[in-house]
Amino acid sequence: MKALLDEQLSPQIAAILREEGHDVYAVAERDDLVGYSDRMVLEAADAEDRAVITNNIKDFRPIAAEWLAQGRTHPGLISPSPLWRRPSGPYFALIPTGCEAASAGSARSKHKSATNEGSAAGATRSSAQPTSES
């Protein structure tokens, strides 16, 4: 899975996910993104084909809706449980499992899109449809 953790999520989460083989970075560990607006974070994640993992889904939703209205897509928005905002507690250990499930779902989507004749090149990306809050 390729993802970008929004600024409020610990870079330690990204480090642990990288140890598990995921291509995940945190905004907080990237000088080119620290302090940027949510729009700029989503733009950067999209350019790198990364989903955005954020506890701030309410601010990303209008941007995603705008993109949808324009026919744009992005790799996705993920709103984690409040229990894994910090690298502590019993649920933190479940993050890699959740990312593996997300990666498997992405692989299924790519396979399904690849097997459909006439599918658009960007069909494997999720639409910019707003997600619901956790």
Protein backbone atom coordinates (compact mmCIF):
# COMPACT_ATOMS: atom_id res chain seq x y z
CA MET A 1 0.00 0.00 0.00
CA LYS A 2 1.17 3.54 -0.76
CA ALA A 3 -0.08 6.12 1.70
CA LEU A 4 0.62 9.51 3.21
CA LEU A 5 -0.22 10.07 6.88
CA ASP A 6 -1.68 13.50 7.51
CA GLU A 7 0.18 15.88 9.80
CA GLN A 8 -1.65 14.96 13.01
CA LEU A 9 -0.59 11.29 12.78
CA SER A 10 2.72 10.20 14.27
CA PRO A 11 5.69 9.56 11.98
CA GLN A 12 6.29 6.49 14.16
CA ILE A 13 3.21 4.93 12.57
CA ALA A 14 4.73 5.46 9.13
CA ALA A 15 8.04 3.97 10.28
CA ILE A 16 6.35 0.84 11.61
CA LEU A 17 4.33 0.44 8.43
CA ARG A 18 7.51 0.76 6.35
CA GLU A 19 9.09 -1.97 8.47
CA GLU A 20 6.08 -4.12 7.50
CA GLY A 21 6.83 -3.48 3.81
CA HIS A 22 4.35 -0.67 3.09
CA ASP A 23 5.31 2.49 1.20
CA VAL A 24 4.05 4.97 3.81
CA TYR A 25 5.32 8.41 4.80
CA ALA A 26 4.05 10.97 7.26
CA VAL A 27 3.62 14.65 6.41
CA ALA A 28 5.49 15.39 9.65
CA GLU A 29 8.64 13.72 8.29
CA ARG A 30 8.54 15.53 4.94
CA ASP A 31 9.83 19.11 4.99
CA ASP A 32 8.19 19.71 1.60
CA LEU A 33 4.71 19.15 3.12
CA VAL A 34 4.82 20.30 6.77
CA GLY A 35 2.34 23.11 7.34
CA TYR A 36 0.68 22.77 3.94
CA SER A 37 -3.07 23.00 3.45
CA ASP A 38 -5.20 19.86 3.16
CA ARG A 39 -5.67 20.64 -0.54
CA MET A 40 -1.90 20.68 -1.08
CA VAL A 41 -1.48 17.45 0.92
CA LEU A 42 -4.11 15.73 -1.25
CA GLU A 43 -2.48 17.10 -4.41
CA ALA A 44 0.93 15.80 -3.30
CA ALA A 45 -0.48 12.39 -2.35
CA ASP A 46 -2.28 12.17 -5.68
CA ALA A 47 0.90 13.03 -7.59
CA GLU A 48 2.64 10.15 -5.78
CA ASP A 49 -0.35 7.78 -6.14
CA ARG A 50 -0.78 7.61 -2.34
CA ALA A 51 -3.96 7.39 -0.29
CA VAL A 52 -4.22 9.99 2.48
CA ILE A 53 -4.73 8.63 5.99
CA THR A 54 -6.21 11.38 8.15
CA ASN A 55 -8.18 12.00 11.31
CA ASN A 56 -9.29 15.23 9.66
CA ILE A 57 -11.65 13.66 7.11
CA LYS A 58 -14.23 16.45 7.53
CA ASP A 59 -11.82 18.93 5.92
CA PHE A 60 -10.81 16.59 3.10
CA ARG A 61 -14.40 15.68 2.20
CA PRO A 62 -15.25 18.98 0.45
CA ILE A 63 -12.02 18.81 -1.57
CA ALA A 64 -12.81 15.23 -2.61
CA ALA A 65 -16.37 16.28 -3.55
CA GLU A 66 -14.98 19.12 -5.67
CA TRP A 67 -12.65 16.68 -7.44
CA LEU A 68 -15.54 14.29 -8.05
CA ALA A 69 -17.60 17.10 -9.59
CA GLN A 70 -14.65 17.83 -11.89
CA GLY A 71 -14.32 14.16 -12.85
CA ARG A 72 -10.99 13.82 -11.04
CA THR A 73 -9.91 10.76 -9.12
CA HIS A 74 -7.41 10.13 -6.33
CA PRO A 75 -5.97 7.04 -4.63
CA GLY A 76 -8.29 7.40 -1.63
CA LEU A 77 -8.98 8.88 1.78
CA ILE A 78 -8.72 6.69 4.86
CA SER A 79 -10.13 7.76 8.21
CA PRO A 80 -8.58 5.56 10.91
CA SER A 81 -10.04 4.67 14.24
CA PRO A 82 -9.20 7.23 16.95
CA LEU A 83 -7.46 4.36 18.74
CA TRP A 84 -4.43 4.44 16.43
CA ARG A 85 -3.62 8.13 16.43
CA ARG A 86 -0.61 7.42 18.61
CA PRO A 87 1.74 4.44 18.62
CA SER A 88 0.38 3.01 21.85
CA GLY A 89 -2.46 0.88 23.04
CA PRO A 90 -3.66 -2.53 21.89
CA TYR A 91 -5.03 -1.38 18.52
CA PHE A 92 -1.73 0.05 17.25
CA ALA A 93 -0.54 -3.49 16.51
CA LEU A 94 -3.49 -3.95 14.14
CA ILE A 95 -2.39 -1.20 11.73
CA PRO A 96 -0.22 -3.48 9.54
CA THR A 97 -3.08 -5.98 9.31
CA GLY A 98 -5.45 -3.24 8.18
CA CYS A 99 -2.95 -2.05 5.59
CA GLU A 100 -2.53 -5.59 4.27
CA ALA A 101 -6.30 -5.80 3.86
CA ALA A 102 -6.33 -2.44 2.06
CA SER A 103 -3.52 -3.62 -0.23
CA ALA A 104 -5.39 -6.82 -1.03
CA GLY A 105 -8.51 -4.82 -1.84
CA SER A 106 -6.48 -2.55 -4.12
CA ALA A 107 -4.99 -5.57 -5.88
CA ARG A 108 -8.49 -6.98 -6.45
CA SER A 109 -9.63 -3.64 -7.89
CA LYS A 110 -6.64 -3.50 -10.22
CA HIS A 111 -7.23 -7.07 -11.38
CA LYS A 112 -10.92 -6.41 -11.94
CA SER A 113 -10.20 -3.23 -13.91
CA ALA A 114 -7.48 -4.92 -15.95
CA THR A 115 -9.81 -7.74 -16.96
CA ASN A 116 -12.65 -5.44 -18.07
CA GLU A 117 -12.31 -4.61 -21.76
CA GLY A 118 -12.28 -0.92 -22.54
CA SER A 119 -11.61 0.18 -18.98
CA ALA A 120 -10.01 3.58 -18.64
CA ALA A 121 -6.37 3.85 -17.64
CA GLY A 122 -7.29 5.53 -14.34
CA ALA A 123 -10.03 3.05 -13.48
CA THR A 124 -7.94 1.40 -10.77
CA ARG A 125 -7.90 4.60 -8.74
CA SER A 126 -10.75 5.35 -6.41
CA SER A 127 -13.09 8.16 -7.27
CA ALA A 128 -12.92 11.34 -5.28
CA GLN A 129 -16.23 10.44 -3.67
CA PRO A 130 -16.39 11.67 -0.09
CA THR A 131 -16.05 9.11 2.65
CA SER A 132 -17.94 8.86 5.91
CA GLU A 133 -16.35 9.73 9.20
CA SER A 134 -15.38 7.03 11.65
